Protein backbone atom coordinates (compact mmCIF):
# COMPACT_ATOMS: atom_id res chain seq x y z
CA UNK A 1 -38.14 -91.46 -101.27
CA UNK A 2 -41.03 -93.39 -99.81
CA UNK A 3 -41.48 -91.24 -96.75
CA UNK A 4 -40.70 -94.19 -94.49
CA UNK A 5 -37.40 -92.57 -93.58
CA UNK A 6 -39.23 -89.73 -91.89
CA UNK A 7 -41.71 -91.90 -90.08
CA UNK A 8 -39.04 -92.85 -87.59
CA UNK A 9 -38.87 -89.27 -86.53
CA UNK A 10 -42.54 -89.14 -85.54
CA UNK A 11 -43.11 -92.72 -84.52
CA UNK A 12 -45.08 -93.04 -81.34
CA UNK A 13 -43.43 -94.73 -78.44
CA UNK A 14 -42.24 -94.23 -74.89
CA UNK A 15 -40.98 -90.75 -74.04
CA UNK A 16 -37.18 -90.79 -74.19
CA UNK A 17 -35.16 -90.28 -71.04
CA UNK A 18 -32.32 -87.81 -71.30
CA UNK A 19 -29.28 -88.79 -69.31
CA UNK A 20 -26.38 -86.62 -68.26
CA UNK A 21 -22.74 -87.41 -68.08
CA UNK A 22 -19.69 -85.83 -66.57
CA UNK A 23 -16.72 -84.63 -68.59
CA UNK A 24 -15.33 -88.18 -68.83
CA UNK A 25 -18.53 -89.53 -70.35
CA UNK A 26 -19.64 -91.42 -67.24
CA UNK A 27 -23.42 -91.60 -66.97
CA UNK A 28 -24.76 -89.93 -63.82
CA UNK A 29 -27.96 -90.78 -61.93
CA UNK A 30 -31.10 -89.16 -63.29
CA UNK A 31 -32.35 -86.47 -60.91
CA UNK A 32 -35.52 -85.73 -62.89
CA UNK A 33 -38.53 -85.32 -60.70
CA UNK A 34 -36.50 -85.10 -57.49
CA UNK A 35 -36.80 -81.94 -55.39
CA UNK A 36 -33.86 -79.54 -55.57
CA UNK A 37 -32.59 -79.69 -52.01
CA UNK A 38 -29.24 -78.19 -51.15
CA UNK A 39 -26.71 -80.10 -49.09
CA UNK A 40 -25.52 -76.86 -47.49
CA UNK A 41 -27.81 -74.51 -45.60
CA UNK A 42 -27.71 -70.74 -45.75
CA UNK A 43 -24.41 -69.66 -44.25
CA UNK A 44 -25.61 -66.25 -43.05
CA UNK A 45 -28.24 -67.77 -40.76
CA UNK A 46 -25.63 -69.98 -39.14
CA UNK A 47 -23.23 -67.05 -38.79
CA UNK A 48 -25.88 -64.91 -37.09
CA UNK A 49 -26.84 -67.72 -34.67
CA UNK A 50 -23.19 -68.34 -33.78
CA UNK A 51 -22.48 -64.62 -33.37
CA UNK A 52 -25.38 -64.08 -30.97
CA UNK A 53 -24.48 -67.19 -28.96
CA UNK A 54 -20.94 -65.87 -28.54
CA UNK A 55 -21.71 -62.27 -27.53
CA UNK A 56 -21.46 -63.44 -23.93
CA UNK A 57 -17.88 -64.55 -24.51
CA UNK A 58 -16.91 -60.91 -25.07
CA UNK A 59 -17.73 -60.52 -21.38
CA UNK A 60 -15.04 -63.09 -20.58
CA UNK A 61 -12.54 -60.82 -22.33
CA UNK A 62 -13.84 -57.87 -20.32
CA UNK A 63 -13.15 -59.85 -17.14
CA UNK A 64 -9.66 -60.85 -18.30
CA UNK A 65 -8.66 -57.35 -19.33
CA UNK A 66 -10.22 -55.60 -16.33
CA UNK A 67 -7.48 -56.42 -13.82
CA UNK A 68 -4.73 -55.14 -16.14
CA UNK A 69 -6.19 -51.62 -16.05
CA UNK A 70 -7.83 -51.56 -12.60
CA UNK A 71 -4.79 -52.65 -10.57
CA UNK A 72 -2.60 -49.66 -11.58
CA UNK A 73 -5.55 -47.35 -10.74
CA UNK A 74 -6.01 -49.01 -7.33
CA UNK A 75 -2.27 -48.67 -6.67
CA UNK A 76 -2.36 -44.95 -7.48
CA UNK A 77 -1.95 -42.43 -4.62
CA UNK A 78 -5.36 -40.89 -5.26
CA UNK A 79 -7.17 -44.26 -5.42
CA UNK A 80 -10.66 -44.39 -3.89
CA UNK A 81 -9.91 -47.92 -2.64
CA UNK A 82 -6.15 -48.33 -1.97
CA UNK A 83 -4.84 -51.92 -2.15
CA UNK A 84 -1.56 -53.65 -1.37
CA UNK A 85 0.17 -56.22 -3.58
CA UNK A 86 -1.63 -59.20 -2.00
CA UNK A 87 -5.06 -57.60 -2.43
CA UNK A 88 -4.21 -56.71 -6.03
CA UNK A 89 -3.36 -60.35 -6.79
CA UNK A 90 -6.76 -61.38 -5.40
CA UNK A 91 -8.51 -58.77 -7.55
CA UNK A 92 -6.77 -60.30 -10.57
CA UNK A 93 -7.35 -63.94 -9.73
CA UNK A 94 -10.69 -64.10 -7.90
CA UNK A 95 -12.70 -64.13 -11.13
CA UNK A 96 -11.04 -67.46 -11.90
CA UNK A 97 -12.30 -68.89 -8.58
CA UNK A 98 -15.95 -68.40 -9.53
CA UNK A 99 -15.36 -69.63 -13.07
CA UNK A 100 -14.86 -73.36 -12.36
CA UNK A 101 -18.09 -73.44 -10.34
CA UNK A 102 -19.94 -71.89 -13.27
CA UNK A 103 -18.36 -74.39 -15.63
CA UNK A 104 -19.61 -77.36 -13.62
CA UNK A 105 -23.11 -75.94 -13.30
CA UNK A 106 -23.30 -75.10 -17.01
CA UNK A 107 -22.92 -78.75 -17.99
CA UNK A 108 -25.89 -79.78 -15.84
CA UNK A 109 -28.02 -76.89 -17.12
CA UNK A 110 -27.14 -77.61 -20.76
CA UNK A 111 -28.02 -81.28 -20.66
CA UNK A 112 -31.20 -80.90 -18.61
CA UNK A 113 -32.68 -77.58 -19.73
CA UNK A 114 -31.11 -77.04 -23.14
CA UNK A 115 -28.32 -75.02 -24.72
CA UNK A 116 -30.45 -71.90 -25.24
CA UNK A 117 -31.67 -71.69 -21.63
CA UNK A 118 -28.12 -72.21 -20.40
CA UNK A 119 -26.96 -69.26 -22.50
CA UNK A 120 -29.77 -67.10 -21.07
CA UNK A 121 -29.17 -68.04 -17.43
CA UNK A 122 -25.45 -67.35 -17.63
CA UNK A 123 -25.95 -63.64 -18.32
CA UNK A 124 -27.67 -62.97 -14.97
CA UNK A 125 -24.63 -63.29 -12.62
CA UNK A 126 -22.55 -61.25 -15.08
CA UNK A 127 -25.01 -58.35 -14.92
CA UNK A 128 -25.15 -58.46 -11.12
CA UNK A 129 -21.36 -58.77 -10.79
CA UNK A 130 -20.55 -55.73 -12.91
CA UNK A 131 -23.12 -53.64 -11.04
CA UNK A 132 -21.59 -54.63 -7.67
CA UNK A 133 -18.10 -53.61 -8.89
CA UNK A 134 -19.41 -50.30 -10.27
CA UNK A 135 -20.99 -49.52 -6.87
CA UNK A 136 -18.03 -50.80 -4.79
CA UNK A 137 -16.96 -48.75 -1.76
CA UNK A 138 -14.38 -51.24 -0.46
CA UNK A 139 -12.13 -53.95 -1.84
CA UNK A 140 -14.42 -56.70 -0.54
CA UNK A 141 -17.19 -55.53 -2.90
CA UNK A 142 -14.71 -55.72 -5.79
CA UNK A 143 -13.88 -59.26 -4.69
CA UNK A 144 -17.59 -60.21 -4.67
CA UNK A 145 -18.18 -58.67 -8.09
CA UNK A 146 -15.16 -60.45 -9.56
CA UNK A 147 -16.39 -63.81 -8.21
CA UNK A 148 -19.86 -63.24 -9.70
CA UNK A 149 -18.57 -62.17 -13.12
CA UNK A 150 -16.16 -65.10 -13.08
CA UNK A 151 -19.04 -67.44 -12.23
CA UNK A 152 -20.99 -66.14 -15.24
CA UNK A 153 -17.90 -66.38 -17.42
CA UNK A 154 -17.53 -70.02 -16.46
CA UNK A 155 -21.16 -70.74 -17.32
CA UNK A 156 -20.92 -69.16 -20.79
CA UNK A 157 -17.85 -71.06 -22.02
CA UNK A 158 -19.22 -74.53 -22.75
CA UNK A 159 -22.78 -73.59 -23.82
CA UNK A 160 -21.57 -71.02 -26.35
CA UNK A 161 -19.18 -73.46 -27.98
CA UNK A 162 -21.46 -76.49 -27.85
CA UNK A 163 -24.42 -74.52 -29.21
CA UNK A 164 -22.25 -73.13 -32.03
CA UNK A 165 -20.88 -76.56 -32.95
CA UNK A 166 -24.40 -78.06 -33.03
CA UNK A 167 -26.15 -75.37 -35.08
CA UNK A 168 -23.44 -75.09 -37.75
CA UNK A 169 -22.36 -77.45 -40.52
CA UNK A 170 -18.86 -78.97 -40.71
CA UNK A 171 -17.57 -76.58 -43.38
CA UNK A 172 -18.38 -73.58 -41.13
CA UNK A 173 -18.03 -75.14 -37.69
CA UNK A 174 -14.31 -74.58 -37.09
CA UNK A 175 -14.40 -70.94 -38.11
CA UNK A 176 -17.60 -70.11 -36.21
CA UNK A 177 -16.59 -71.98 -33.06
CA UNK A 178 -13.54 -69.71 -33.00
CA UNK A 179 -15.91 -66.75 -32.50
CA UNK A 180 -15.70 -67.44 -28.78
CA UNK A 181 -11.96 -66.77 -28.78
CA UNK A 182 -12.49 -63.74 -31.03
CA UNK A 183 -15.06 -62.44 -28.55
CA UNK A 184 -12.63 -62.83 -25.65
CA UNK A 185 -9.93 -60.93 -27.55
CA UNK A 186 -12.42 -58.18 -28.43
CA UNK A 187 -13.37 -57.87 -24.77
CA UNK A 188 -9.72 -57.61 -23.72
CA UNK A 189 -9.12 -54.89 -26.34
CA UNK A 190 -12.24 -53.03 -25.18
CA UNK A 191 -11.03 -52.95 -21.56
CA UNK A 192 -7.46 -51.99 -22.46
CA UNK A 193 -8.70 -49.09 -24.60
CA UNK A 194 -11.39 -47.67 -22.31
CA UNK A 195 -9.30 -48.37 -19.21
CA UNK A 196 -6.66 -45.95 -20.44
CA UNK A 197 -9.16 -43.05 -20.53
CA UNK A 198 -11.86 -43.87 -17.93
CA UNK A 199 -12.05 -44.84 -14.28
CA UNK A 200 -12.62 -48.44 -13.29
CA UNK A 201 -16.08 -47.61 -11.90
CA UNK A 202 -17.23 -46.17 -15.25
CA UNK A 203 -15.66 -49.14 -17.01
CA UNK A 204 -17.65 -51.55 -14.83
CA UNK A 205 -20.94 -49.76 -15.54
CA UNK A 206 -20.30 -49.90 -19.31
CA UNK A 207 -19.36 -53.59 -19.07
CA UNK A 208 -22.73 -54.39 -17.47
CA UNK A 209 -24.52 -53.39 -20.69
CA UNK A 210 -23.05 -56.27 -22.72
CA UNK A 211 -24.68 -59.24 -20.92
CA UNK A 212 -28.00 -57.37 -21.10
CA UNK A 213 -27.65 -57.20 -24.90
CA UNK A 214 -26.64 -60.88 -25.11
CA UNK A 215 -29.69 -61.92 -23.06
CA UNK A 216 -32.12 -59.96 -25.24
CA UNK A 217 -30.78 -61.30 -28.56
CA UNK A 218 -30.55 -64.92 -27.39
CA UNK A 219 -34.30 -64.90 -26.73
CA UNK A 220 -34.77 -64.76 -30.52
CA UNK A 221 -32.64 -67.83 -31.28
CA UNK A 222 -33.87 -71.47 -31.72
CA UNK A 223 -32.78 -74.37 -29.55
CA UNK A 224 -30.01 -76.67 -30.83
CA UNK A 225 -31.49 -79.36 -33.15
CA UNK A 226 -29.06 -81.94 -31.72
CA UNK A 227 -30.41 -81.33 -28.23
CA UNK A 228 -34.03 -81.53 -29.39
CA UNK A 229 -33.40 -84.85 -31.17
CA UNK A 230 -31.67 -86.21 -28.06
CA UNK A 231 -34.85 -85.34 -26.13
CA UNK A 232 -37.02 -87.15 -28.74
CA UNK A 233 -38.47 -83.96 -30.23
CA UNK A 234 -37.85 -84.40 -34.00
CA UNK A 235 -40.67 -82.03 -35.02
CA UNK A 236 -39.16 -79.19 -32.99
CA UNK A 237 -35.72 -80.09 -34.33
CA UNK A 238 -37.08 -79.76 -37.88
CA UNK A 239 -38.42 -76.27 -37.10
CA UNK A 240 -35.13 -75.31 -35.51
CA UNK A 241 -33.18 -76.50 -38.55
CA UNK A 242 -35.53 -74.58 -40.85
CA UNK A 243 -34.57 -71.37 -39.05
CA UNK A 244 -30.88 -72.24 -39.13
CA UNK A 245 -30.56 -73.66 -42.68
CA UNK A 246 -33.38 -72.15 -44.76
CA UNK A 247 -36.27 -73.72 -46.68
CA UNK A 248 -34.16 -74.86 -49.65
CA UNK A 249 -32.03 -77.13 -47.47
CA UNK A 250 -32.68 -80.87 -47.14
CA UNK A 251 -33.99 -80.61 -43.57
CA UNK A 252 -35.45 -84.11 -43.36
CA UNK A 253 -32.16 -85.72 -44.30
CA UNK A 254 -30.22 -84.02 -41.49
CA UNK A 255 -32.93 -84.75 -38.92
CA UNK A 256 -32.95 -88.41 -40.00
CA UNK A 257 -29.16 -88.52 -39.64
CA UNK A 258 -29.38 -87.00 -36.16
CA UNK A 259 -32.10 -89.47 -35.17
CA UNK A 260 -30.14 -92.42 -36.56
CA UNK A 261 -27.01 -91.40 -34.70
CA UNK A 262 -28.97 -90.70 -31.52
CA UNK A 263 -30.49 -94.18 -31.71
CA UNK A 264 -27.11 -95.75 -32.37
CA UNK A 265 -25.59 -93.88 -29.43
CA UNK A 266 -28.69 -94.45 -27.25
CA UNK A 267 -29.05 -90.68 -26.73
CA UNK A 268 -32.83 -90.52 -26.49
CA UNK A 269 -32.88 -92.53 -23.30
CA UNK A 270 -32.61 -90.39 -20.17
CA UNK A 271 -29.46 -91.43 -18.38
CA UNK A 272 -29.57 -92.56 -14.78
CA UNK A 273 -26.76 -91.40 -12.45
CA UNK A 274 -25.08 -94.79 -12.87
CA UNK A 275 -25.34 -94.63 -16.67
CA UNK A 276 -24.02 -91.05 -16.63
CA UNK A 277 -20.95 -92.14 -14.67
CA UNK A 278 -20.43 -95.07 -17.05
CA UNK A 279 -20.67 -92.69 -20.03
CA UNK A 280 -18.17 -90.31 -18.43
CA UNK A 281 -15.75 -93.20 -17.81
CA UNK A 282 -16.11 -94.56 -21.34
CA UNK A 283 -13.03 -94.16 -23.59
CA UNK A 284 -15.06 -91.99 -25.99
CA UNK A 285 -15.24 -89.45 -23.16
CA UNK A 286 -12.08 -90.09 -21.13
CA UNK A 287 -9.67 -89.91 -24.06
CA UNK A 288 -10.70 -86.48 -25.34
CA UNK A 289 -11.07 -85.20 -21.76
CA UNK A 290 -7.49 -86.20 -20.99
CA UNK A 291 -6.21 -84.65 -24.21
CA UNK A 292 -8.01 -81.33 -23.69
CA UNK A 293 -7.19 -81.10 -19.97
CA UNK A 294 -3.48 -81.46 -20.72
CA UNK A 295 -3.87 -79.05 -23.64
CA UNK A 296 -5.33 -76.38 -21.36
CA UNK A 297 -2.69 -76.98 -18.70
CA UNK A 298 0.16 -76.65 -21.19
CA UNK A 299 -1.20 -73.55 -22.84
CA UNK A 300 -2.07 -71.76 -19.59
CA UNK A 301 1.42 -72.42 -18.24
CA UNK A 302 2.88 -70.97 -21.43
CA UNK A 303 2.17 -67.62 -19.74
CA UNK A 304 -0.69 -66.34 -21.87
CA UNK A 305 -2.89 -65.09 -19.05
CA UNK A 306 0.08 -63.83 -17.09
CA UNK A 307 0.65 -61.43 -19.98
CA UNK A 308 -3.09 -60.66 -20.29
CA UNK A 309 -3.78 -60.01 -16.58
CA UNK A 310 -0.53 -58.17 -15.79
CA UNK A 311 0.11 -56.51 -19.17
CA UNK A 312 0.59 -52.95 -17.87
CA UNK A 313 2.99 -54.03 -15.10
CA UNK A 314 5.00 -56.30 -17.42
CA UNK A 315 5.48 -53.53 -19.98
CA UNK A 316 6.56 -51.21 -17.18
CA UNK A 317 9.11 -53.73 -15.85
CA UNK A 318 10.44 -54.62 -19.31
CA UNK A 319 12.47 -51.41 -19.49
CA UNK A 320 10.84 -50.17 -22.68
CA UNK A 321 10.74 -46.41 -23.25
CA UNK A 322 7.25 -46.67 -24.80
CA UNK A 323 4.16 -45.67 -22.82
CA UNK A 324 2.85 -48.72 -20.95
CA UNK A 325 -0.81 -47.99 -21.72
CA UNK A 326 -0.09 -47.45 -25.41
CA UNK A 327 1.73 -50.79 -25.53
CA UNK A 328 -1.17 -52.50 -23.76
CA UNK A 329 -3.76 -51.12 -26.20
CA UNK A 330 -1.58 -52.13 -29.16
CA UNK A 331 -1.29 -55.61 -27.65
CA UNK A 332 -5.08 -55.83 -27.44
CA UNK A 333 -5.41 -54.78 -31.10
CA UNK A 334 -2.86 -57.40 -32.19
CA UNK A 335 -4.61 -60.11 -30.18
CA UNK A 336 -7.99 -59.23 -31.69
CA UNK A 337 -6.73 -59.11 -35.29
CA UNK A 338 -4.88 -62.41 -35.04
CA UNK A 339 -7.81 -64.12 -33.34
CA UNK A 340 -9.89 -63.31 -36.42
CA UNK A 341 -7.05 -64.58 -38.62
CA UNK A 342 -6.86 -67.77 -36.52
CA UNK A 343 -10.57 -68.39 -37.08
CA UNK A 344 -10.00 -68.20 -40.84
CA UNK A 345 -6.86 -70.34 -40.74
CA UNK A 346 -8.63 -72.91 -38.59
CA UNK A 347 -10.88 -73.70 -41.54
CA UNK A 348 -7.98 -73.92 -44.00
CA UNK A 349 -5.08 -75.33 -41.99
CA UNK A 350 -6.67 -77.48 -39.31
CA UNK A 351 -6.06 -77.79 -35.58
CA UNK A 352 -2.66 -79.46 -35.39
CA UNK A 353 -0.55 -77.04 -37.50
CA UNK A 354 -1.85 -73.99 -35.62
CA UNK A 355 -1.15 -75.70 -32.30
CA UNK A 356 2.45 -76.38 -33.33
CA UNK A 357 2.92 -72.73 -34.32
CA UNK A 358 1.73 -71.66 -30.87
CA UNK A 359 3.84 -74.17 -28.95
CA UNK A 360 7.10 -73.33 -30.71
CA UNK A 361 6.42 -69.58 -30.93
CA UNK A 362 5.48 -69.23 -27.26
CA UNK A 363 8.52 -71.24 -26.18
CA UNK A 364 10.99 -69.15 -28.18
CA UNK A 365 9.52 -65.76 -27.19
CA UNK A 366 9.14 -66.52 -23.47
CA UNK A 367 12.71 -67.76 -23.22
CA UNK A 368 13.83 -64.70 -25.22
CA UNK A 369 11.95 -62.35 -22.87
CA UNK A 370 13.32 -64.11 -19.79
CA UNK A 371 16.87 -63.93 -21.12
CA UNK A 372 16.57 -60.18 -21.78
CA UNK A 373 15.17 -59.54 -18.28
CA UNK A 374 18.08 -61.52 -16.82
CA UNK A 375 20.61 -59.28 -18.54
CA UNK A 376 18.55 -56.17 -17.68
CA UNK A 377 18.82 -57.03 -13.99
CA UNK A 378 22.58 -57.53 -14.25
CA UNK A 379 22.87 -54.14 -15.98
CA UNK A 380 20.90 -52.49 -13.16
CA UNK A 381 23.07 -54.14 -10.47
CA UNK A 382 26.35 -53.19 -12.15
CA UNK A 383 28.50 -50.45 -10.59
CA UNK A 384 27.87 -47.99 -12.06
CA UNK A 385 24.52 -49.11 -13.52
CA UNK A 386 24.49 -49.75 -17.27
CA UNK A 387 21.70 -48.22 -19.32
CA UNK A 388 19.54 -50.95 -20.93
CA UNK A 389 20.03 -51.41 -24.66
CA UNK A 390 17.71 -52.81 -27.33
CA UNK A 391 14.65 -51.90 -25.24
CA UNK A 392 12.54 -52.82 -28.26
CA UNK A 393 13.44 -56.50 -27.83
CA UNK A 394 11.21 -57.35 -24.81
CA UNK A 395 8.28 -55.53 -26.43
CA UNK A 396 8.85 -57.51 -29.64
CA UNK A 397 8.95 -60.76 -27.64
CA UNK A 398 5.63 -59.96 -25.96
CA UNK A 399 3.96 -59.05 -29.26
CA UNK A 400 5.28 -62.09 -31.14
CA UNK A 401 4.28 -64.26 -28.17
CA UNK A 402 0.74 -62.87 -28.37
CA UNK A 403 0.57 -63.44 -32.14
CA UNK A 404 1.74 -67.05 -32.05
CA UNK A 405 -0.29 -67.87 -28.93
CA UNK A 406 -3.45 -66.42 -30.47
CA UNK A 407 -3.12 -68.41 -33.69
CA UNK A 408 -3.45 -71.74 -31.89
CA UNK A 409 -3.64 -71.86 -28.10
CA UNK A 410 -6.37 -69.24 -27.73
CA UNK A 411 -8.62 -70.83 -30.35
CA UNK A 412 -8.04 -74.55 -30.94
CA UNK A 413 -8.83 -76.13 -27.53
CA UNK A 414 -11.99 -74.05 -27.12
CA UNK A 415 -13.22 -75.14 -30.55
CA UNK A 416 -12.46 -78.77 -29.73
CA UNK A 417 -14.66 -78.66 -26.60
CA UNK A 418 -17.64 -78.60 -28.95
CA UNK A 419 -16.18 -81.28 -31.22
CA UNK A 420 -14.58 -84.10 -29.27
CA UNK A 421 -17.15 -85.20 -26.70
CA UNK A 422 -20.02 -87.71 -27.16
CA UNK A 423 -23.45 -86.13 -27.51
CA UNK A 424 -25.13 -87.72 -24.49
CA UNK A 425 -22.64 -86.21 -21.99
CA UNK A 426 -21.31 -83.33 -24.08
CA UNK A 427 -22.75 -80.73 -21.75
CA UNK A 428 -21.46 -82.26 -18.53
CA UNK A 429 -17.96 -83.08 -19.73
CA UNK A 430 -17.75 -79.77 -21.60
CA UNK A 431 -18.43 -78.08 -18.28
CA UNK A 432 -15.76 -80.21 -16.59
CA UNK A 433 -13.25 -79.22 -19.26
CA UNK A 434 -13.90 -75.49 -19.03
CA UNK A 435 -13.74 -75.91 -15.25
CA UNK A 436 -10.25 -77.37 -15.55
CA UNK A 437 -9.24 -74.66 -18.02
CA UNK A 438 -10.23 -71.84 -15.67
CA UNK A 439 -8.75 -73.62 -12.68
CA UNK A 440 -5.43 -73.45 -14.51
CA UNK A 441 -6.10 -69.75 -15.22
CA UNK A 442 -6.50 -69.13 -11.48
CA UNK A 443 -3.36 -71.10 -10.62
CA UNK A 444 -1.24 -69.30 -13.21
CA UNK A 445 -2.51 -65.79 -12.39
CA UNK A 446 -2.31 -66.28 -8.63
CA UNK A 447 1.13 -67.92 -8.65
CA UNK A 448 2.80 -65.41 -11.01
CA UNK A 449 3.71 -62.93 -8.20
CA UNK A 450 5.04 -65.87 -6.16
CA UNK A 451 7.13 -67.17 -9.08
CA UNK A 452 8.36 -63.66 -9.78
CA UNK A 453 9.72 -63.52 -6.21
CA UNK A 454 10.98 -67.11 -6.10
CA UNK A 455 12.57 -67.36 -9.56
CA UNK A 456 12.48 -63.63 -10.31
CA UNK A 457 10.66 -62.41 -13.40
CA UNK A 458 13.20 -63.74 -15.88
CA UNK A 459 13.09 -67.21 -14.29
CA UNK A 460 9.27 -67.29 -14.42
CA UNK A 461 9.21 -66.48 -18.14
CA UNK A 462 11.93 -69.01 -18.97
CA UNK A 463 9.90 -71.65 -17.07
CA UNK A 464 6.84 -70.76 -19.16
CA UNK A 465 8.88 -71.15 -22.34
CA UNK A 466 10.14 -74.61 -21.36
CA UNK A 467 6.59 -75.77 -20.61
CA UNK A 468 5.53 -74.59 -24.08
CA UNK A 469 8.19 -76.74 -25.74
CA UNK A 470 7.17 -79.73 -23.61
CA UNK A 471 3.55 -79.18 -24.64
CA UNK A 472 4.48 -79.14 -28.32
CA UNK A 473 5.85 -82.67 -28.02
CA UNK A 474 2.62 -83.83 -26.37
CA UNK A 475 0.47 -82.20 -29.07
CA UNK A 476 2.48 -83.85 -31.83
CA UNK A 477 1.97 -87.28 -30.30
CA UNK A 478 -1.63 -87.10 -29.07
CA UNK A 479 -3.70 -84.33 -30.67
CA UNK A 480 -6.12 -85.56 -33.39
CA UNK A 481 -6.98 -83.52 -36.48
CA UNK A 482 -10.74 -82.85 -36.63
CA UNK A 483 -10.82 -80.42 -39.55
CA UNK A 484 -13.73 -81.26 -41.89
CA UNK A 485 -15.00 -84.14 -39.74
CA UNK A 486 -18.59 -84.47 -38.60
CA UNK A 487 -19.33 -84.73 -34.89
CA UNK A 488 -20.50 -88.31 -35.52
CA UNK A 489 -17.18 -89.27 -37.14
CA UNK A 490 -15.23 -87.81 -34.22
CA UNK A 491 -17.35 -89.67 -31.66
CA UNK A 492 -16.97 -92.91 -33.64
CA UNK A 493 -13.19 -92.44 -33.60
CA UNK A 494 -12.91 -92.07 -29.82
CA UNK A 495 -15.43 -94.88 -29.31
CA UNK A 496 -13.20 -97.20 -31.36
CA UNK A 497 -15.81 -97.72 -34.11
CA UNK A 498 -13.32 -96.34 -36.64
CA UNK A 499 -9.55 -96.60 -36.34
CA UNK A 500 -8.52 -93.23 -37.72
CA UNK A 501 -9.88 -89.82 -38.61
CA UNK A 502 -7.61 -89.74 -41.64
CA UNK A 503 -9.22 -90.54 -44.96
CA UNK A 504 -8.02 -93.66 -46.75
CA UNK A 505 -6.88 -93.44 -50.37
CA UNK A 506 -10.13 -95.11 -51.46
CA UNK A 507 -12.20 -92.50 -49.59
CA UNK A 508 -10.14 -89.70 -51.12
CA UNK A 509 -10.69 -91.17 -54.59
CA UNK A 510 -14.43 -91.39 -53.95
CA UNK A 511 -14.43 -87.79 -52.75
CA UNK A 512 -12.60 -86.71 -55.87
CA UNK A 513 -15.12 -88.60 -58.02
CA UNK A 514 -17.93 -86.83 -56.17
CA UNK A 515 -16.29 -83.49 -56.84
CA UNK A 516 -16.01 -84.33 -60.52
CA UNK A 517 -19.69 -85.26 -60.59
CA UNK A 518 -20.63 -81.91 -59.11
CA UNK A 519 -19.12 -80.02 -62.05
CA UNK A 520 -21.38 -78.63 -64.81
CA UNK A 521 -23.05 -81.51 -66.65
CA UNK A 522 -22.89 -82.12 -70.38
CA UNK A 523 -25.66 -83.67 -72.45
CA UNK A 524 -24.14 -86.17 -74.86
CA UNK A 525 -25.71 -87.97 -77.82
CA UNK A 526 -24.12 -91.06 -79.29
CA UNK A 527 -22.88 -90.66 -82.85
CA UNK A 528 -25.31 -91.72 -85.66
CA UNK A 529 -28.13 -92.10 -83.15
CA UNK A 530 -31.48 -90.34 -83.46
CA UNK A 531 -33.99 -89.67 -80.76
CA UNK A 532 -37.01 -92.03 -81.27
């Protein structure tokens, strides 16, 4: 032994670099010296921001559920403000008249003053409207209050969903955007439950407290980083993202991506009226607007808000032996539970499968309910009258209808408002879309008594079922799947910059390789090799 063998172990030279490999032995890039920045921000911060932004949508549910409990009280013999059938239909539908106006105004406010300010402004008419109804001494004051609350409801729709879509990351966006639909279902349940035990005046006073709470909490939230970048305020966008993602997140990377996309889409430039019209008429805007407008028309004419607004009366006319108020409260509970389930499934299953479940389910149950009511009428007109049988069947149809409708129709199109439209006119066209949606609500709610007289109740429900089946065909042919896609990818698709939102086999293979690389790393040393 000369000792030379050991000299290799202490020989001076460059410091060795340790490389890592994945399980297949493929060398991975060295991350030494690079800051540990997460690609996903803190989920809880995004959840809180989305929850606060969507508190106002609970008020929409309060408005929807209010007519179902107030109309029977106004029809009662001891009513403080007696109404006839025509006045009752106006009480039910007038909120939907103010809503489209609010929708149109919300788009302008969002794009010119910001998402946060739009969410703050929208609470004011809601507060005033509920106070007017609570103090009403005649039916005209109820009308005025319903228009004001409907106006506020229209203003909240697009800002809540756009703000949520812009402050959340793709892996959370679908689920959190569905909070708006969950809020509406919670509001409906709240009104059904309290309406069974309180007067409509007390109910109105309690309802006024919610927009006050939403206003106070929204003051604490940051502005949307997307909006700030579009207004050439990257420093403020960085601060906003820090509040929404946390300090360990790679904030600069996301801001750079937003700036790059804004520059590519020419978002930082303030649009002139002519340029705004051109942007609205561009295929990247017209295509999704057409898809969502038809989506809302099909789903409203499936009968969903006919059931919601006239729930107590429909249960009474169905022939069931169960208490109509108990059935209505149970319906509200089912709607709320399955809205939460839909939000979870939206993240796992995507938009198209849930839409198909709603289309087919609503079609089958509405035709089933209409068929039962047809036979019920023939039993009543028989001589002597025949006692209805299987009175559980219409109740089951209504509950299954609500379940299937909630899983898709009540969630998917509202989520897609915040996903499909180009950034530079997202506020305006989002307002147009919610305007169309609530216009269809008004048409359906107002025309239901007319259809019930023209086609009778069974004919109206069968018509709703047929429209649901027709809508399912349209959705199969035209509705894109946006699950897991970034807002930039979706805009590129409708702009024609990419041909499909589906991943190619090569992209899937690259994604799989990336997943493999993210697994725990192994340090490997080649056989018979010593560190210098």
